[in-house]
Amino acid sequence: MVQRNGYNRGEVCWTDVQTPDVAAAKSFYAAVFGWRYEDLPTPDGRSYSKAFLEDDLVTAIAPQPQAQGAASAPAQWNVYLAADDARAIAEETPLAGGTVQFGPEEIADTGTMVFVEPPGGGATGVWQAGTHPGCGRYGEPGAISWAELVTAEPAAAVGFFQRLFGHDVTEYPQDDGGTYTTLMVDGAEVAGVAPAPGLDEEQGLDEEAEPDEKTRPDEELGWQVYFGVSSVSEAVLAAVAAGAEVLVEPEFAEDGGSIATLKDPQGGVFSVLEV
């Protein structure tokens, strides 16, 4: 069991999903990962649910902001990187080529939150821990096990994160000529940055390409969360039975095990990774 009670600067420390139907999302993810929940009221009278594996907090299911609900936006998984000083991150973001989307805002005594966007897009949560350090487990079934940013500007995004968090990087050349980059903290890989399929890293996406040329639709750009499972095939069967759509069928991952990508009944996209 990989339990965590704190995270270093630049590590993926937390995830949550904002969804149009909290109750339905709770039922779905309980069927896939076995999460149990504790509900908290929100100021507007709705419900926010903390998800647990046994006694360890692993994520949260939250109602969408009113504007997203009014626009009938799909559910969205968010990824948060740990920070020592969220306000300093917010101040540095424009200098690094990004924008501040939200915050910094203190969330009672639990911590301080900021959302920033690197060049090329991909809303990124930043979390300065107070009483809430982040996920209580990492890298095991039912817990966050990886995250990667898919972007049309991978080099700029990597530089952005390096400036804000001091990441080292490892680059992996791909068969299509692109490069998959991992962000590293203290010698460990903590997240990935992937070029959008169909991307020429010098010229960018071909906006006039035909669909069969595999350009990346805008809605597929951004952060992708991976939750650990003991069996990808069993997790996919459970998810489909609970109403999921399979976006990427189970396939072998380069570093072992297998992965699959799914869309929950409220439109939230996530992946499962065999650990």
Protein backbone atom coordinates (compact mmCIF):
# COMPACT_ATOMS: atom_id res chain seq x y z
CA MET A 1 0.00 0.00 0.00
CA VAL A 2 1.45 3.36 -1.11
CA GLN A 3 0.09 5.86 1.42
CA ARG A 4 1.02 9.53 1.29
CA ASN A 5 0.80 12.29 3.86
CA GLY A 6 2.52 15.00 1.84
CA TYR A 7 3.94 15.92 -1.58
CA ASN A 8 7.02 17.70 -2.83
CA ARG A 9 6.85 20.81 -4.97
CA GLY A 10 5.86 19.91 -8.54
CA GLU A 11 4.43 16.47 -7.79
CA VAL A 12 0.86 15.57 -8.76
CA CYS A 13 -0.80 15.79 -5.36
CA TRP A 14 -4.54 15.83 -5.99
CA THR A 15 -7.35 15.31 -8.50
CA ASP A 16 -11.04 16.06 -8.51
CA VAL A 17 -13.89 15.88 -10.97
CA GLN A 18 -16.49 18.58 -11.52
CA THR A 19 -19.67 16.97 -12.78
CA PRO A 20 -23.26 17.93 -13.63
CA ASP A 21 -24.61 15.04 -11.51
CA VAL A 22 -22.70 14.30 -8.31
CA ALA A 23 -24.99 11.46 -7.22
CA ALA A 24 -24.70 9.66 -10.56
CA ALA A 25 -20.93 10.15 -10.64
CA LYS A 26 -20.60 8.71 -7.14
CA SER A 27 -22.51 5.60 -8.18
CA PHE A 28 -20.43 5.16 -11.34
CA TYR A 29 -17.00 5.51 -9.74
CA ALA A 30 -17.96 3.34 -6.78
CA ALA A 31 -18.78 0.59 -9.27
CA VAL A 32 -15.40 0.96 -11.01
CA PHE A 33 -13.02 1.68 -8.10
CA GLY A 34 -14.90 0.73 -4.95
CA TRP A 35 -14.77 4.23 -3.48
CA ARG A 36 -16.85 5.17 -0.44
CA TYR A 37 -17.93 8.73 0.19
CA GLU A 38 -18.41 11.41 2.77
CA ASP A 39 -20.68 14.25 1.66
CA LEU A 40 -20.23 17.90 2.55
CA PRO A 41 -22.71 20.69 1.77
CA THR A 42 -21.64 23.54 -0.51
CA PRO A 43 -22.62 27.18 0.12
CA ASP A 44 -25.19 27.04 -2.69
CA GLY A 45 -26.98 24.04 -1.16
CA ARG A 46 -25.44 21.34 -3.35
CA SER A 47 -23.22 18.41 -2.34
CA TYR A 48 -19.45 17.89 -2.49
CA SER A 49 -18.25 14.32 -1.93
CA LYS A 50 -14.88 13.16 -0.66
CA ALA A 51 -13.93 9.72 -2.01
CA PHE A 52 -12.05 7.21 0.12
CA LEU A 53 -10.31 3.87 -0.14
CA GLU A 54 -10.81 2.50 3.35
CA ASP A 55 -9.77 5.49 5.51
CA ASP A 56 -7.57 7.19 2.91
CA LEU A 57 -8.89 10.17 0.96
CA VAL A 58 -8.12 9.66 -2.74
CA THR A 59 -10.15 12.25 -4.69
CA ALA A 60 -13.34 14.30 -4.68
CA ILE A 61 -16.50 14.59 -6.74
CA ALA A 62 -17.76 18.15 -6.94
CA PRO A 63 -20.68 19.92 -8.61
CA GLN A 64 -19.90 21.99 -11.66
CA PRO A 65 -19.73 25.76 -11.40
CA GLN A 66 -23.06 27.27 -12.36
CA ALA A 67 -21.73 28.66 -15.65
CA GLN A 68 -20.56 25.23 -16.80
CA GLY A 69 -23.89 23.71 -15.91
CA ALA A 70 -25.75 26.40 -17.82
CA ALA A 71 -23.58 25.64 -20.86
CA SER A 72 -24.25 21.87 -20.53
CA ALA A 73 -20.51 21.25 -20.29
CA PRO A 74 -19.37 17.65 -19.70
CA ALA A 75 -17.72 16.53 -16.49
CA GLN A 76 -14.05 17.48 -16.19
CA TRP A 77 -11.21 15.85 -14.25
CA ASN A 78 -8.70 18.31 -12.79
CA VAL A 79 -5.04 17.73 -11.89
CA TYR A 80 -3.21 19.65 -9.14
CA LEU A 81 0.53 20.11 -8.65
CA ALA A 82 1.94 20.69 -5.18
CA ALA A 83 3.37 24.12 -4.39
CA ASP A 84 5.16 25.67 -1.43
CA ASP A 85 3.72 29.10 -2.24
CA ALA A 86 0.65 29.25 -4.48
CA ARG A 87 0.63 33.04 -4.55
CA ALA A 88 4.19 33.11 -5.83
CA ILE A 89 3.21 30.63 -8.57
CA ALA A 90 0.35 32.92 -9.59
CA GLU A 91 2.68 35.93 -9.74
CA GLU A 92 5.26 34.05 -11.82
CA THR A 93 2.75 32.51 -14.26
CA PRO A 94 2.50 35.46 -16.71
CA LEU A 95 6.29 35.77 -16.75
CA ALA A 96 6.48 32.07 -17.72
CA GLY A 97 4.10 32.59 -20.65
CA GLY A 98 0.93 31.32 -19.01
CA THR A 99 -2.25 32.81 -17.59
CA VAL A 100 -3.93 32.67 -14.20
CA GLN A 101 -7.48 31.35 -14.54
CA PHE A 102 -8.53 31.39 -10.89
CA GLY A 103 -7.19 32.42 -7.52
CA PRO A 104 -5.12 32.34 -5.51
CA GLU A 105 -7.86 31.55 -2.99
CA GLU A 106 -7.61 30.15 0.50
CA ILE A 107 -10.00 27.22 1.01
CA ALA A 108 -10.67 27.61 4.74
CA ASP A 109 -7.72 26.01 6.55
CA THR A 110 -7.29 23.18 4.01
CA GLY A 111 -4.93 25.05 1.67
CA THR A 112 -4.58 27.64 -1.08
CA MET A 113 -5.67 26.94 -4.66
CA VAL A 114 -4.75 28.49 -7.99
CA PHE A 115 -5.59 27.43 -11.54
CA VAL A 116 -3.06 28.35 -14.21
CA GLU A 117 -2.88 27.63 -17.92
CA PRO A 118 0.43 26.94 -19.68
CA PRO A 119 1.11 27.96 -23.27
CA GLY A 120 -0.98 25.69 -25.50
CA GLY A 121 -3.74 25.33 -22.90
CA GLY A 122 -4.53 22.78 -20.23
CA ALA A 123 -5.98 24.17 -17.00
CA THR A 124 -3.64 23.11 -14.19
CA GLY A 125 -4.50 23.18 -10.52
CA VAL A 126 -1.86 24.33 -8.03
CA TRP A 127 -2.29 23.33 -4.39
CA GLN A 128 -0.45 24.73 -1.37
CA ALA A 129 -1.34 22.33 1.43
CA GLY A 130 -2.80 23.39 4.73
CA THR A 131 -4.63 20.70 6.65
CA HIS A 132 -5.28 18.84 3.38
CA PRO A 133 -1.97 17.48 1.99
CA GLY A 134 -3.49 15.79 -1.08
CA CYS A 135 -4.25 12.20 -2.07
CA GLY A 136 -3.83 9.74 0.77
CA ARG A 137 -2.69 7.04 -1.66
CA TYR A 138 -0.82 7.08 -4.93
CA GLY A 139 0.05 4.44 -7.53
CA GLU A 140 -2.23 1.63 -6.45
CA PRO A 141 -5.67 0.30 -7.44
CA GLY A 142 -8.33 2.95 -6.98
CA ALA A 143 -5.86 5.83 -6.60
CA ILE A 144 -4.30 8.33 -8.98
CA SER A 145 -1.30 6.66 -10.61
CA TRP A 146 -0.21 9.01 -13.41
CA ALA A 147 -1.17 12.21 -15.19
CA GLU A 148 -0.12 13.73 -18.49
CA LEU A 149 -0.79 16.92 -20.39
CA VAL A 150 -1.63 16.56 -24.08
CA THR A 151 -0.83 19.85 -25.77
CA ALA A 152 -0.22 21.50 -29.12
CA GLU A 153 2.77 23.35 -27.59
CA PRO A 154 4.71 20.70 -25.67
CA ALA A 155 8.08 22.47 -25.58
CA ALA A 156 6.52 25.70 -24.28
CA ALA A 157 4.47 23.78 -21.70
CA VAL A 158 7.55 21.94 -20.43
CA GLY A 159 9.44 25.22 -20.11
CA PHE A 160 6.49 26.72 -18.25
CA PHE A 161 6.45 23.97 -15.65
CA GLN A 162 10.22 24.01 -15.29
CA ARG A 163 10.17 27.73 -14.53
CA LEU A 164 7.33 27.48 -12.01
CA PHE A 165 8.25 24.23 -10.26
CA GLY A 166 11.89 23.52 -11.12
CA HIS A 167 11.21 20.18 -12.80
CA ASP A 168 13.98 18.20 -14.36
CA VAL A 169 12.91 16.36 -17.52
CA THR A 170 13.50 13.15 -19.42
CA GLU A 171 12.69 13.02 -23.12
CA TYR A 172 11.54 9.91 -24.96
CA PRO A 173 11.61 10.04 -28.78
CA GLN A 174 8.48 8.53 -30.32
CA ASP A 175 8.07 6.49 -33.50
CA ASP A 176 6.10 9.34 -35.12
CA GLY A 177 9.00 11.75 -34.68
CA GLY A 178 7.54 13.51 -31.65
CA THR A 179 8.85 13.52 -28.10
CA TYR A 180 7.15 12.40 -24.88
CA THR A 181 8.58 14.35 -21.94
CA THR A 182 8.34 13.42 -18.30
CA LEU A 183 8.54 16.01 -15.54
CA MET A 184 10.76 14.88 -12.69
CA VAL A 185 11.11 15.69 -8.99
CA ASP A 186 14.09 14.37 -7.02
CA GLY A 187 14.90 11.91 -9.80
CA ALA A 188 11.38 10.45 -10.03
CA GLU A 189 9.00 10.88 -12.95
CA VAL A 190 5.86 12.61 -11.72
CA ALA A 191 3.88 13.57 -14.85
CA GLY A 192 4.06 13.52 -18.63
CA VAL A 193 3.76 16.10 -21.40
CA ALA A 194 2.67 14.63 -24.72
CA PRO A 195 2.41 16.32 -28.13
CA ALA A 196 -1.05 16.21 -29.64
CA PRO A 197 -1.32 13.45 -32.27
CA GLY A 198 -0.99 15.01 -35.70
CA LEU A 199 1.35 17.66 -34.31
CA ASP A 200 4.43 18.78 -36.18
CA GLU A 201 6.48 20.09 -33.26
CA GLU A 202 7.97 22.86 -35.43
CA GLN A 203 4.83 23.88 -37.33
CA GLY A 204 2.05 22.97 -34.88
CA LEU A 205 -1.25 21.28 -35.62
CA ASP A 206 -2.46 21.18 -39.20
CA GLU A 207 -5.83 22.90 -38.84
CA GLU A 208 -6.83 21.93 -42.41
CA ALA A 209 -6.00 18.24 -42.12
CA GLU A 210 -8.67 15.65 -42.80
CA PRO A 211 -10.02 13.68 -39.81
CA ASP A 212 -8.22 10.51 -40.90
CA GLU A 213 -4.89 12.34 -40.50
CA LYS A 214 -5.34 11.99 -36.72
CA THR A 215 -5.18 15.59 -35.62
CA ARG A 216 -6.26 16.07 -32.03
CA PRO A 217 -9.74 17.55 -31.46
CA ASP A 218 -9.57 20.57 -29.15
CA GLU A 219 -11.74 18.86 -26.53
CA GLU A 220 -9.17 16.06 -26.21
CA LEU A 221 -6.33 18.41 -25.32
CA GLY A 222 -5.49 19.04 -21.67
CA TRP A 223 -4.72 16.89 -18.66
CA GLN A 224 -5.46 13.18 -18.67
CA VAL A 225 -5.75 11.38 -15.32
CA TYR A 226 -4.84 7.71 -14.85
CA PHE A 227 -6.22 5.68 -11.97
CA GLY A 228 -4.60 2.43 -10.95
CA VAL A 229 -6.44 -0.88 -11.29
CA SER A 230 -5.41 -4.46 -10.69
CA SER A 231 -6.91 -5.54 -14.03
CA VAL A 232 -7.64 -3.17 -16.90
CA SER A 233 -9.96 -5.64 -18.61
CA GLU A 234 -12.04 -6.09 -15.45
CA ALA A 235 -12.13 -2.34 -14.82
CA VAL A 236 -13.32 -1.69 -18.38
CA LEU A 237 -16.07 -4.31 -18.04
CA ALA A 238 -17.22 -2.76 -14.76
CA ALA A 239 -17.15 0.75 -16.24
CA VAL A 240 -19.12 -0.26 -19.34
CA ALA A 241 -21.68 -2.04 -17.17
CA ALA A 242 -22.05 1.21 -15.19
CA GLY A 243 -22.60 3.26 -18.36
CA ALA A 244 -19.13 4.25 -19.59
CA GLU A 245 -18.03 4.66 -23.19
CA VAL A 246 -14.68 3.12 -24.17
CA LEU A 247 -12.59 5.70 -26.02
CA VAL A 248 -9.35 3.70 -26.20
CA GLU A 249 -9.55 -0.07 -25.92
CA PRO A 250 -7.13 -1.81 -23.53
CA GLU A 251 -3.62 -1.69 -24.93
CA PHE A 252 -0.14 -2.52 -23.70
CA ALA A 253 1.78 0.32 -22.07
CA GLU A 254 5.48 0.78 -22.83
CA ASP A 255 6.46 0.61 -19.15
CA GLY A 256 4.45 -2.56 -18.48
CA GLY A 257 0.85 -3.41 -17.75
CA SER A 258 -1.95 -2.05 -19.88
CA ILE A 259 -4.10 1.05 -20.15
CA ALA A 260 -7.53 2.06 -21.45
CA THR A 261 -9.36 5.35 -21.74
CA LEU A 262 -13.01 5.79 -20.79
CA LYS A 263 -15.74 8.43 -20.69
CA ASP A 264 -18.07 8.37 -17.71
CA PRO A 265 -21.86 8.84 -18.18
CA GLN A 266 -21.53 12.58 -17.47
CA GLY A 267 -18.77 13.01 -20.07
CA GLY A 268 -15.70 12.93 -17.80
CA VAL A 269 -12.69 11.36 -19.54
CA PHE A 270 -10.20 9.30 -17.53
CA SER A 271 -7.82 6.39 -18.04
CA VAL A 272 -7.09 3.23 -16.10
CA LEU A 273 -3.58 1.88 -15.68
CA GLU A 274 -2.66 -1.60 -14.51
CA VAL A 275 -0.46 -1.36 -11.41
